[in-house]
Amino acid sequence: MPRSAGTIRNLSLLAAALDGLELQKQRIDEQIQEVRALLGKSPARRGRPPASAASSVAKRGRGPLSAAARKKIAAAQKRRWAAYRKANGTKSE
């Protein structure tokens, strides 16, 4: 019988500890909000940027490449691959 009385005390002690920790967490969260307000910062966002930021990047987009530019890029890429294959000892087919 004394065993169950000890368990009840432990449970009430744990419940009291949990209440105290939740109160501390609430106080800390309030202090964090106050400091952010003083700094003028809003909570950090996660995920994709707002549509306005994405559209500004899209507006700046690049036009189509000329045929000469495509040929230069292709030749440079072929040179890079040739150097890579030479360094790694693989043959191209």
N, C-alpha and C. Protein backbone atom coordinates (compact mmCIF):
# COMPACT_ATOMS: atom_id res chain seq x y z
N MET A 1 0.80 -1.20 0.00
CA MET A 1 0.00 0.00 0.00
C MET A 1 0.85 1.27 0.00
N PRO A 2 1.95 1.33 0.72
CA PRO A 2 2.76 2.55 0.72
C PRO A 2 3.30 2.88 -0.68
N ARG A 3 3.44 1.86 -1.52
CA ARG A 3 3.96 2.07 -2.87
C ARG A 3 3.05 2.98 -3.67
N SER A 4 1.76 2.81 -3.59
CA SER A 4 0.84 3.63 -4.36
C SER A 4 0.82 5.07 -3.85
N ALA A 5 1.00 5.26 -2.56
CA ALA A 5 1.04 6.62 -2.01
C ALA A 5 2.25 7.37 -2.56
N GLY A 6 3.38 6.67 -2.72
CA GLY A 6 4.57 7.29 -3.28
C GLY A 6 4.39 7.67 -4.73
N THR A 7 3.67 6.82 -5.47
CA THR A 7 3.40 7.10 -6.88
C THR A 7 2.53 8.34 -7.02
N ILE A 8 1.55 8.48 -6.14
CA ILE A 8 0.68 9.65 -6.19
C ILE A 8 1.48 10.91 -5.90
N ARG A 9 2.38 10.84 -4.94
CA ARG A 9 3.22 12.00 -4.64
C ARG A 9 4.12 12.34 -5.82
N ASN A 10 4.68 11.30 -6.46
CA ASN A 10 5.53 11.54 -7.61
C ASN A 10 4.75 12.17 -8.76
N LEU A 11 3.53 11.70 -8.97
CA LEU A 11 2.71 12.26 -10.04
C LEU A 11 2.33 13.70 -9.75
N SER A 12 2.00 14.00 -8.51
CA SER A 12 1.65 15.38 -8.17
C SER A 12 2.88 16.28 -8.25
N LEU A 13 4.04 15.73 -7.91
CA LEU A 13 5.27 16.50 -8.01
C LEU A 13 5.59 16.79 -9.48
N LEU A 14 5.41 15.77 -10.32
CA LEU A 14 5.65 15.97 -11.75
C LEU A 14 4.66 16.96 -12.35
N ALA A 15 3.41 16.89 -11.93
CA ALA A 15 2.40 17.82 -12.44
C ALA A 15 2.74 19.25 -12.03
N ALA A 16 3.19 19.43 -10.80
CA ALA A 16 3.57 20.76 -10.33
C ALA A 16 4.79 21.27 -11.09
N ALA A 17 5.74 20.39 -11.35
CA ALA A 17 6.93 20.79 -12.11
C ALA A 17 6.54 21.19 -13.53
N LEU A 18 5.63 20.45 -14.12
CA LEU A 18 5.17 20.78 -15.47
C LEU A 18 4.47 22.13 -15.50
N ASP A 19 3.64 22.40 -14.51
CA ASP A 19 2.98 23.70 -14.44
C ASP A 19 3.99 24.83 -14.33
N GLY A 20 5.00 24.63 -13.49
CA GLY A 20 6.02 25.66 -13.33
C GLY A 20 6.81 25.89 -14.61
N LEU A 21 7.15 24.82 -15.30
CA LEU A 21 7.90 24.96 -16.55
C LEU A 21 7.07 25.65 -17.63
N GLU A 22 5.78 25.32 -17.70
CA GLU A 22 4.92 25.97 -18.69
C GLU A 22 4.79 27.46 -18.39
N LEU A 23 4.73 27.83 -17.13
CA LEU A 23 4.67 29.24 -16.75
C LEU A 23 5.96 29.96 -17.15
N GLN A 24 7.11 29.33 -16.92
CA GLN A 24 8.38 29.92 -17.32
C GLN A 24 8.45 30.08 -18.83
N LYS A 25 7.98 29.08 -19.57
CA LYS A 25 7.99 29.14 -21.02
C LYS A 25 7.13 30.30 -21.51
N GLN A 26 5.97 30.48 -20.89
CA GLN A 26 5.08 31.57 -21.28
C GLN A 26 5.77 32.92 -21.04
N ARG A 27 6.43 33.08 -19.91
CA ARG A 27 7.14 34.32 -19.61
C ARG A 27 8.27 34.57 -20.61
N ILE A 28 9.01 33.52 -20.93
CA ILE A 28 10.12 33.66 -21.89
C ILE A 28 9.58 34.04 -23.26
N ASP A 29 8.49 33.42 -23.70
CA ASP A 29 7.89 33.75 -24.99
C ASP A 29 7.46 35.22 -25.04
N GLU A 30 6.88 35.70 -23.94
CA GLU A 30 6.48 37.10 -23.87
C GLU A 30 7.69 38.02 -23.97
N GLN A 31 8.77 37.67 -23.29
CA GLN A 31 9.99 38.49 -23.34
C GLN A 31 10.59 38.49 -24.74
N ILE A 32 10.55 37.34 -25.42
CA ILE A 32 11.06 37.26 -26.79
C ILE A 32 10.25 38.18 -27.69
N GLN A 33 8.93 38.19 -27.54
CA GLN A 33 8.09 39.07 -28.35
C GLN A 33 8.41 40.53 -28.08
N GLU A 34 8.66 40.89 -26.82
CA GLU A 34 9.00 42.28 -26.50
C GLU A 34 10.31 42.69 -27.16
N VAL A 35 11.31 41.81 -27.11
CA VAL A 35 12.61 42.13 -27.71
C VAL A 35 12.46 42.25 -29.22
N ARG A 36 11.71 41.36 -29.83
CA ARG A 36 11.49 41.45 -31.28
C ARG A 36 10.79 42.75 -31.65
N ALA A 37 9.84 43.16 -30.83
CA ALA A 37 9.14 44.42 -31.09
C ALA A 37 10.12 45.59 -31.00
N LEU A 38 11.02 45.55 -30.03
CA LEU A 38 12.02 46.61 -29.90
C LEU A 38 12.97 46.63 -31.09
N LEU A 39 13.30 45.46 -31.61
CA LEU A 39 14.20 45.37 -32.76
C LEU A 39 13.47 45.65 -34.07
N GLY A 40 12.15 45.61 -34.03
CA GLY A 40 11.38 45.83 -35.24
C GLY A 40 11.36 44.61 -36.14
N LYS A 41 11.58 43.46 -35.56
CA LYS A 41 11.59 42.23 -36.34
C LYS A 41 10.31 41.45 -36.10
N SER A 42 9.81 40.86 -37.18
CA SER A 42 8.67 39.97 -37.04
C SER A 42 9.22 38.55 -36.93
N PRO A 43 8.41 37.60 -36.51
CA PRO A 43 8.90 36.22 -36.42
C PRO A 43 9.41 35.73 -37.77
N ALA A 44 10.40 34.88 -37.74
CA ALA A 44 11.02 34.39 -38.97
C ALA A 44 10.02 33.59 -39.78
N ARG A 45 10.05 33.82 -41.10
CA ARG A 45 9.17 33.09 -42.00
C ARG A 45 9.85 31.81 -42.43
N ARG A 46 9.03 30.82 -42.73
CA ARG A 46 9.54 29.59 -43.29
C ARG A 46 8.84 29.34 -44.60
N GLY A 47 9.51 28.66 -45.49
CA GLY A 47 8.88 28.29 -46.74
C GLY A 47 9.21 29.26 -47.86
N ARG A 48 8.33 29.33 -48.82
CA ARG A 48 8.56 30.14 -50.01
C ARG A 48 8.47 31.62 -49.68
N PRO A 49 9.22 32.45 -50.40
CA PRO A 49 9.13 33.89 -50.17
C PRO A 49 7.78 34.41 -50.64
N PRO A 50 7.39 35.58 -50.19
CA PRO A 50 6.12 36.15 -50.63
C PRO A 50 6.10 36.33 -52.15
N ALA A 51 4.93 36.41 -52.73
CA ALA A 51 4.79 36.50 -54.18
C ALA A 51 5.47 37.76 -54.73
N SER A 52 5.47 38.85 -53.98
CA SER A 52 6.08 40.08 -54.47
C SER A 52 7.59 39.92 -54.66
N ALA A 53 8.25 39.19 -53.77
CA ALA A 53 9.69 38.97 -53.91
C ALA A 53 9.99 38.06 -55.09
N ALA A 54 9.15 37.05 -55.29
CA ALA A 54 9.37 36.13 -56.40
C ALA A 54 9.13 36.82 -57.73
N SER A 55 8.15 37.72 -57.78
CA SER A 55 7.84 38.38 -59.04
C SER A 55 8.94 39.37 -59.42
N SER A 56 9.62 39.98 -58.43
CA SER A 56 10.69 40.91 -58.76
C SER A 56 11.86 40.18 -59.41
N VAL A 57 12.10 38.94 -58.99
CA VAL A 57 13.16 38.15 -59.62
C VAL A 57 12.74 37.76 -61.02
N ALA A 58 11.47 37.40 -61.19
CA ALA A 58 10.99 36.99 -62.50
C ALA A 58 11.00 38.15 -63.48
N LYS A 59 10.73 39.36 -63.03
CA LYS A 59 10.72 40.53 -63.91
C LYS A 59 12.10 40.78 -64.49
N ARG A 60 13.11 40.45 -63.72
CA ARG A 60 14.48 40.71 -64.12
C ARG A 60 14.97 39.64 -65.10
N GLY A 61 14.15 38.70 -65.44
CA GLY A 61 14.53 37.53 -66.24
C GLY A 61 15.38 37.85 -67.45
N ARG A 62 16.01 36.85 -67.98
CA ARG A 62 16.93 37.02 -69.10
C ARG A 62 16.21 36.70 -70.40
N GLY A 63 16.65 37.34 -71.44
CA GLY A 63 16.06 37.09 -72.75
C GLY A 63 16.63 35.84 -73.37
N PRO A 64 16.17 35.51 -74.55
CA PRO A 64 16.67 34.31 -75.23
C PRO A 64 18.12 34.49 -75.67
N LEU A 65 18.85 33.39 -75.76
CA LEU A 65 20.25 33.43 -76.18
C LEU A 65 20.34 33.44 -77.70
N SER A 66 21.36 34.10 -78.17
CA SER A 66 21.61 34.08 -79.62
C SER A 66 22.23 32.73 -79.99
N ALA A 67 22.22 32.44 -81.27
CA ALA A 67 22.82 31.18 -81.75
C ALA A 67 24.31 31.13 -81.43
N ALA A 68 25.00 32.27 -81.58
CA ALA A 68 26.44 32.33 -81.29
C ALA A 68 26.70 32.05 -79.81
N ALA A 69 25.86 32.60 -78.95
CA ALA A 69 26.04 32.39 -77.51
C ALA A 69 25.82 30.92 -77.15
N ARG A 70 24.80 30.30 -77.75
CA ARG A 70 24.55 28.88 -77.50
C ARG A 70 25.73 28.03 -77.94
N LYS A 71 26.33 28.37 -79.07
CA LYS A 71 27.49 27.62 -79.57
C LYS A 71 28.68 27.77 -78.63
N LYS A 72 28.91 28.97 -78.12
CA LYS A 72 30.01 29.20 -77.18
C LYS A 72 29.81 28.37 -75.91
N ILE A 73 28.58 28.38 -75.41
CA ILE A 73 28.29 27.63 -74.19
C ILE A 73 28.48 26.13 -74.43
N ALA A 74 28.01 25.64 -75.57
CA ALA A 74 28.15 24.22 -75.89
C ALA A 74 29.62 23.83 -76.02
N ALA A 75 30.42 24.68 -76.68
CA ALA A 75 31.85 24.38 -76.83
C ALA A 75 32.56 24.37 -75.48
N ALA A 76 32.22 25.31 -74.62
CA ALA A 76 32.84 25.36 -73.30
C ALA A 76 32.47 24.11 -72.49
N GLN A 77 31.21 23.70 -72.60
CA GLN A 77 30.78 22.50 -71.87
C GLN A 77 31.50 21.26 -72.38
N LYS A 78 31.68 21.17 -73.69
CA LYS A 78 32.40 20.02 -74.26
C LYS A 78 33.84 20.00 -73.79
N ARG A 79 34.47 21.17 -73.69
CA ARG A 79 35.85 21.25 -73.19
C ARG A 79 35.90 20.79 -71.73
N ARG A 80 34.94 21.22 -70.93
CA ARG A 80 34.92 20.81 -69.52
C ARG A 80 34.75 19.30 -69.39
N TRP A 81 33.84 18.73 -70.17
CA TRP A 81 33.63 17.28 -70.11
C TRP A 81 34.87 16.53 -70.60
N ALA A 82 35.52 17.03 -71.63
CA ALA A 82 36.72 16.38 -72.13
C ALA A 82 37.81 16.38 -71.05
N ALA A 83 37.96 17.50 -70.37
CA ALA A 83 38.96 17.59 -69.30
C ALA A 83 38.59 16.64 -68.16
N TYR A 84 37.32 16.55 -67.84
CA TYR A 84 36.87 15.66 -66.77
C TYR A 84 37.16 14.20 -67.14
N ARG A 85 36.83 13.82 -68.36
CA ARG A 85 37.07 12.44 -68.79
C ARG A 85 38.56 12.11 -68.83
N LYS A 86 39.37 13.08 -69.25
CA LYS A 86 40.82 12.87 -69.29
C LYS A 86 41.35 12.67 -67.88
N ALA A 87 40.88 13.46 -66.95
CA ALA A 87 41.35 13.38 -65.57
C ALA A 87 40.93 12.07 -64.91
N ASN A 88 39.76 11.56 -65.27
CA ASN A 88 39.24 10.35 -64.63
C ASN A 88 39.51 9.09 -65.43
N GLY A 89 40.13 9.22 -66.58
CA GLY A 89 40.51 8.06 -67.37
C GLY A 89 39.36 7.34 -68.05
N THR A 90 38.25 8.03 -68.29
CA THR A 90 37.13 7.41 -68.98
C THR A 90 37.15 7.86 -70.43
N LYS A 91 36.67 6.97 -71.31
CA LYS A 91 36.62 7.30 -72.73
C LYS A 91 35.21 7.67 -73.11
N SER A 92 35.07 8.63 -74.00
CA SER A 92 33.76 8.94 -74.54
C SER A 92 33.48 8.06 -75.74
N GLU A 93 32.23 7.74 -75.96
CA GLU A 93 31.89 6.82 -77.06
C GLU A 93 31.59 7.55 -78.32
